[in-house]
N, C-alpha and C. Protein backbone atom coordinates (compact mmCIF):
# COMPACT_ATOMS: atom_id res chain seq x y z
N MET A 1 30.54 -39.19 18.00
CA MET A 1 29.55 -39.41 16.95
C MET A 1 28.94 -40.80 17.08
N ASN A 2 29.77 -41.78 17.42
CA ASN A 2 29.29 -43.13 17.55
C ASN A 2 28.29 -43.25 18.69
N GLY A 3 28.50 -42.48 19.77
CA GLY A 3 27.56 -42.50 20.89
C GLY A 3 26.20 -41.97 20.50
N LEU A 4 26.18 -40.93 19.68
CA LEU A 4 24.91 -40.36 19.23
C LEU A 4 24.13 -41.35 18.37
N LEU A 5 24.83 -42.04 17.48
CA LEU A 5 24.17 -43.05 16.66
C LEU A 5 23.63 -44.18 17.52
N ASN A 6 24.37 -44.56 18.55
CA ASN A 6 23.93 -45.62 19.45
C ASN A 6 22.67 -45.20 20.21
N ILE A 7 22.64 -43.96 20.70
CA ILE A 7 21.46 -43.47 21.40
C ILE A 7 20.27 -43.40 20.46
N THR A 8 20.49 -42.92 19.24
CA THR A 8 19.41 -42.83 18.25
C THR A 8 18.87 -44.22 17.93
N PHE A 9 19.76 -45.18 17.78
CA PHE A 9 19.32 -46.54 17.48
C PHE A 9 18.50 -47.11 18.63
N ARG A 10 18.92 -46.84 19.88
CA ARG A 10 18.15 -47.33 21.03
C ARG A 10 16.77 -46.69 21.09
N LEU A 11 16.68 -45.40 20.75
CA LEU A 11 15.39 -44.71 20.80
C LEU A 11 14.40 -45.27 19.80
N PHE A 12 14.88 -45.60 18.60
CA PHE A 12 13.97 -45.99 17.52
C PHE A 12 14.02 -47.48 17.20
N SER A 13 14.68 -48.27 18.01
CA SER A 13 14.80 -49.69 17.69
C SER A 13 13.46 -50.42 17.78
N GLY A 14 12.59 -50.02 18.69
CA GLY A 14 11.31 -50.70 18.82
C GLY A 14 10.18 -50.01 18.08
N VAL A 15 10.49 -49.07 17.21
CA VAL A 15 9.48 -48.29 16.51
C VAL A 15 9.43 -48.73 15.06
N ALA A 16 8.23 -48.96 14.56
CA ALA A 16 8.08 -49.34 13.15
C ALA A 16 8.34 -48.13 12.27
N ALA A 17 8.71 -48.39 11.02
CA ALA A 17 9.01 -47.32 10.08
C ALA A 17 7.79 -46.44 9.84
N SER A 18 6.59 -47.00 9.84
CA SER A 18 5.39 -46.20 9.61
C SER A 18 5.14 -45.24 10.77
N GLN A 19 5.57 -45.61 11.97
CA GLN A 19 5.40 -44.73 13.12
C GLN A 19 6.40 -43.58 13.08
N LEU A 20 7.57 -43.81 12.48
CA LEU A 20 8.56 -42.75 12.40
C LEU A 20 8.10 -41.62 11.49
N THR A 21 7.35 -41.93 10.46
CA THR A 21 6.91 -40.90 9.53
C THR A 21 5.70 -40.14 10.06
N SER A 22 5.03 -40.67 11.07
CA SER A 22 3.84 -39.99 11.60
C SER A 22 4.15 -39.26 12.90
N VAL A 23 5.34 -38.69 12.99
CA VAL A 23 5.71 -37.89 14.15
C VAL A 23 4.83 -36.64 14.15
N ASN A 24 4.50 -36.14 15.30
CA ASN A 24 3.62 -34.97 15.39
C ASN A 24 4.31 -33.74 14.80
N LEU A 25 4.08 -33.49 13.55
CA LEU A 25 4.59 -32.30 12.89
C LEU A 25 3.48 -31.28 12.77
N ILE A 26 3.84 -30.06 12.48
CA ILE A 26 2.84 -29.02 12.26
C ILE A 26 2.11 -29.35 10.97
N PRO A 27 0.78 -29.39 11.00
CA PRO A 27 0.04 -29.73 9.78
C PRO A 27 0.34 -28.74 8.65
N LEU A 28 0.33 -29.26 7.45
CA LEU A 28 0.63 -28.46 6.28
C LEU A 28 -0.36 -27.31 6.12
N GLU A 29 -1.61 -27.54 6.47
CA GLU A 29 -2.62 -26.49 6.34
C GLU A 29 -2.28 -25.29 7.23
N ASN A 30 -1.76 -25.56 8.43
CA ASN A 30 -1.39 -24.46 9.32
C ASN A 30 -0.23 -23.67 8.75
N MET A 31 0.73 -24.37 8.17
CA MET A 31 1.89 -23.68 7.59
C MET A 31 1.47 -22.85 6.38
N ILE A 32 0.57 -23.39 5.57
CA ILE A 32 0.09 -22.63 4.41
C ILE A 32 -0.64 -21.38 4.88
N GLY A 33 -1.46 -21.51 5.89
CA GLY A 33 -2.17 -20.34 6.43
C GLY A 33 -1.22 -19.32 7.01
N TYR A 34 -0.21 -19.79 7.76
CA TYR A 34 0.77 -18.89 8.36
C TYR A 34 1.51 -18.10 7.29
N PHE A 35 2.01 -18.80 6.25
CA PHE A 35 2.79 -18.11 5.22
C PHE A 35 1.90 -17.29 4.28
N THR A 36 0.63 -17.63 4.16
CA THR A 36 -0.29 -16.79 3.38
C THR A 36 -0.47 -15.44 4.07
N ILE A 37 -0.70 -15.47 5.37
CA ILE A 37 -0.85 -14.22 6.10
C ILE A 37 0.46 -13.45 6.11
N ALA A 38 1.59 -14.16 6.24
CA ALA A 38 2.90 -13.50 6.20
C ALA A 38 3.12 -12.82 4.86
N ALA A 39 2.69 -13.47 3.77
CA ALA A 39 2.83 -12.86 2.45
C ALA A 39 1.96 -11.61 2.32
N LEU A 40 0.76 -11.66 2.89
CA LEU A 40 -0.12 -10.48 2.86
C LEU A 40 0.48 -9.33 3.67
N VAL A 41 1.04 -9.64 4.82
CA VAL A 41 1.68 -8.60 5.63
C VAL A 41 2.89 -8.04 4.90
N PHE A 42 3.68 -8.92 4.27
CA PHE A 42 4.85 -8.46 3.52
C PHE A 42 4.42 -7.54 2.38
N SER A 43 3.36 -7.91 1.66
CA SER A 43 2.92 -7.07 0.54
C SER A 43 2.40 -5.72 1.03
N SER A 44 1.71 -5.72 2.16
CA SER A 44 1.18 -4.46 2.70
C SER A 44 2.32 -3.55 3.16
N VAL A 45 3.26 -4.11 3.91
CA VAL A 45 4.37 -3.30 4.43
C VAL A 45 5.27 -2.83 3.29
N SER A 46 5.56 -3.72 2.34
CA SER A 46 6.42 -3.32 1.23
C SER A 46 5.73 -2.28 0.34
N HIS A 47 4.41 -2.35 0.22
CA HIS A 47 3.67 -1.34 -0.55
C HIS A 47 3.82 0.04 0.09
N ASP A 48 3.66 0.08 1.42
CA ASP A 48 3.85 1.35 2.13
C ASP A 48 5.30 1.83 2.04
N PHE A 49 6.24 0.89 2.08
CA PHE A 49 7.65 1.24 1.97
C PHE A 49 7.97 1.82 0.60
N ILE A 50 7.40 1.25 -0.44
CA ILE A 50 7.64 1.73 -1.80
C ILE A 50 7.00 3.10 -2.00
N LYS A 51 5.83 3.34 -1.39
CA LYS A 51 5.17 4.65 -1.51
C LYS A 51 5.94 5.76 -0.79
N ASP A 52 6.73 5.40 0.21
CA ASP A 52 7.48 6.38 0.98
C ASP A 52 8.57 6.99 0.10
N LYS A 53 8.50 8.29 -0.10
CA LYS A 53 9.44 8.97 -1.00
C LYS A 53 10.82 9.15 -0.38
N GLU A 54 10.90 9.14 0.94
CA GLU A 54 12.18 9.38 1.62
C GLU A 54 12.97 8.10 1.87
N ALA A 55 12.34 6.95 1.79
CA ALA A 55 13.03 5.69 2.09
C ALA A 55 13.92 5.28 0.93
N ARG A 56 15.09 4.74 1.28
CA ARG A 56 16.01 4.25 0.25
C ARG A 56 15.58 2.84 -0.15
N LYS A 57 15.20 2.68 -1.38
CA LYS A 57 14.70 1.39 -1.86
C LYS A 57 15.81 0.37 -2.08
N ASP A 58 17.07 0.83 -2.17
CA ASP A 58 18.18 -0.08 -2.40
C ASP A 58 18.84 -0.54 -1.11
N ASP A 59 18.28 -0.17 0.04
CA ASP A 59 18.84 -0.54 1.33
C ASP A 59 18.43 -1.97 1.67
N LEU A 60 19.40 -2.87 1.66
CA LEU A 60 19.13 -4.28 1.92
C LEU A 60 18.65 -4.52 3.35
N GLY A 61 19.15 -3.73 4.29
CA GLY A 61 18.73 -3.86 5.68
C GLY A 61 17.25 -3.57 5.86
N ALA A 62 16.73 -2.60 5.13
CA ALA A 62 15.30 -2.28 5.22
C ALA A 62 14.45 -3.45 4.70
N TRP A 63 14.90 -4.07 3.62
CA TRP A 63 14.15 -5.21 3.08
C TRP A 63 14.22 -6.41 4.01
N PHE A 64 15.36 -6.62 4.69
CA PHE A 64 15.45 -7.69 5.68
C PHE A 64 14.50 -7.42 6.84
N PHE A 65 14.43 -6.16 7.26
CA PHE A 65 13.53 -5.81 8.35
C PHE A 65 12.07 -6.04 7.96
N ILE A 66 11.71 -5.66 6.75
CA ILE A 66 10.33 -5.88 6.27
C ILE A 66 10.02 -7.36 6.24
N THR A 67 10.96 -8.17 5.75
CA THR A 67 10.76 -9.62 5.71
C THR A 67 10.63 -10.18 7.11
N PHE A 68 11.49 -9.73 8.03
CA PHE A 68 11.43 -10.20 9.42
C PHE A 68 10.10 -9.81 10.06
N ALA A 69 9.65 -8.58 9.82
CA ALA A 69 8.37 -8.13 10.38
C ALA A 69 7.22 -8.96 9.83
N ALA A 70 7.31 -9.36 8.57
CA ALA A 70 6.26 -10.20 7.98
C ALA A 70 6.28 -11.60 8.58
N LEU A 71 7.46 -12.13 8.85
CA LEU A 71 7.55 -13.48 9.41
C LEU A 71 7.06 -13.56 10.84
N ILE A 72 7.19 -12.47 11.58
CA ILE A 72 6.68 -12.47 12.96
C ILE A 72 5.34 -11.74 13.03
N TRP A 73 4.51 -11.94 12.01
CA TRP A 73 3.24 -11.23 11.91
C TRP A 73 2.33 -11.44 13.12
N PRO A 74 2.38 -12.56 13.84
CA PRO A 74 1.49 -12.62 15.02
C PRO A 74 1.79 -11.53 16.04
N LEU A 75 3.00 -11.01 16.02
CA LEU A 75 3.35 -9.92 16.93
C LEU A 75 3.16 -8.55 16.30
N THR A 76 3.47 -8.43 15.01
CA THR A 76 3.44 -7.12 14.37
C THR A 76 2.08 -6.74 13.80
N LEU A 77 1.32 -7.70 13.33
CA LEU A 77 0.03 -7.39 12.69
C LEU A 77 -0.96 -6.72 13.64
N PRO A 78 -1.12 -7.18 14.88
CA PRO A 78 -2.05 -6.47 15.77
C PRO A 78 -1.67 -5.00 15.99
N ASN A 79 -0.37 -4.71 16.08
CA ASN A 79 0.06 -3.33 16.25
C ASN A 79 -0.22 -2.51 15.00
N MET A 80 -0.02 -3.10 13.81
CA MET A 80 -0.32 -2.38 12.57
C MET A 80 -1.81 -2.08 12.47
N VAL A 81 -2.64 -3.05 12.83
CA VAL A 81 -4.09 -2.84 12.77
C VAL A 81 -4.51 -1.77 13.77
N ARG A 82 -3.93 -1.82 14.97
CA ARG A 82 -4.26 -0.81 15.99
C ARG A 82 -3.89 0.59 15.51
N THR A 83 -2.74 0.71 14.85
CA THR A 83 -2.31 2.02 14.34
C THR A 83 -3.25 2.53 13.27
N VAL A 84 -3.66 1.65 12.37
CA VAL A 84 -4.58 2.07 11.30
C VAL A 84 -5.94 2.48 11.88
N VAL A 85 -6.43 1.69 12.82
CA VAL A 85 -7.73 2.01 13.42
C VAL A 85 -7.65 3.32 14.21
N ALA A 86 -6.58 3.51 14.97
CA ALA A 86 -6.43 4.74 15.75
C ALA A 86 -6.33 5.95 14.84
N THR A 87 -5.60 5.83 13.73
CA THR A 87 -5.48 6.93 12.78
C THR A 87 -6.84 7.26 12.17
N GLY A 88 -7.59 6.22 11.82
CA GLY A 88 -8.93 6.43 11.25
C GLY A 88 -9.87 7.08 12.25
N LEU A 89 -9.81 6.64 13.50
CA LEU A 89 -10.68 7.23 14.53
C LEU A 89 -10.30 8.68 14.79
N ASN A 90 -9.02 8.99 14.83
CA ASN A 90 -8.60 10.37 15.06
C ASN A 90 -9.03 11.27 13.91
N ALA A 91 -8.93 10.77 12.68
CA ALA A 91 -9.38 11.56 11.53
C ALA A 91 -10.88 11.78 11.58
N HIS A 92 -11.62 10.75 11.98
CA HIS A 92 -13.08 10.86 12.07
C HIS A 92 -13.47 11.85 13.16
N ARG A 93 -12.78 11.79 14.30
CA ARG A 93 -13.10 12.71 15.40
C ARG A 93 -12.79 14.16 15.03
N SER A 94 -11.67 14.38 14.34
CA SER A 94 -11.34 15.75 13.95
C SER A 94 -12.33 16.27 12.91
N GLN A 95 -12.81 15.38 12.05
CA GLN A 95 -13.81 15.78 11.05
C GLN A 95 -15.13 16.12 11.73
N GLU A 96 -15.50 15.36 12.77
CA GLU A 96 -16.72 15.66 13.52
C GLU A 96 -16.62 17.00 14.24
N LYS A 97 -15.44 17.28 14.81
CA LYS A 97 -15.25 18.54 15.52
C LYS A 97 -15.36 19.72 14.57
N GLN A 98 -14.88 19.57 13.36
CA GLN A 98 -14.97 20.66 12.39
C GLN A 98 -16.39 20.86 11.90
N SER A 99 -17.16 19.77 11.79
CA SER A 99 -18.51 19.90 11.28
C SER A 99 -19.52 20.33 12.35
N LEU A 100 -19.24 20.13 13.62
CA LEU A 100 -20.17 20.52 14.68
C LEU A 100 -20.40 22.02 14.74
N PRO A 101 -19.40 22.88 14.72
CA PRO A 101 -19.68 24.32 14.77
C PRO A 101 -20.48 24.81 13.55
N GLU A 102 -20.26 24.21 12.40
CA GLU A 102 -21.01 24.60 11.22
C GLU A 102 -22.50 24.25 11.37
N ALA A 103 -22.79 23.12 11.97
CA ALA A 103 -24.17 22.70 12.15
C ALA A 103 -24.87 23.56 13.20
N SER A 104 -24.15 24.01 14.23
CA SER A 104 -24.77 24.82 15.27
C SER A 104 -25.06 26.24 14.80
N ARG A 105 -24.31 26.69 13.79
CA ARG A 105 -24.54 28.03 13.25
C ARG A 105 -25.82 28.11 12.42
N ALA A 106 -26.26 27.06 11.85
CA ALA A 106 -27.40 27.08 10.94
C ALA A 106 -28.72 27.20 11.62
């Protein structure tokens, strides 16, 4: 332990106190933006989870998974958006296929 304190003292001995507080940290605005989007993802996923009639709402593991998925939103959000867009496109295409024969009959 004494060796670690000695190394720390050597690293910061020539540094002013004002320089120690201005270490390159992640700006607060970025963190607020990150957690705002994470909260939106959490609310969207939890809303779908609550609407699901077969899911057990008292399962703590499911809520941990939802929270984890919201925290790693840069990885999960693009896949969720792709799924929603693909579902919408498939529904639109099937609706067009059903309406085409009706229009050709007229």
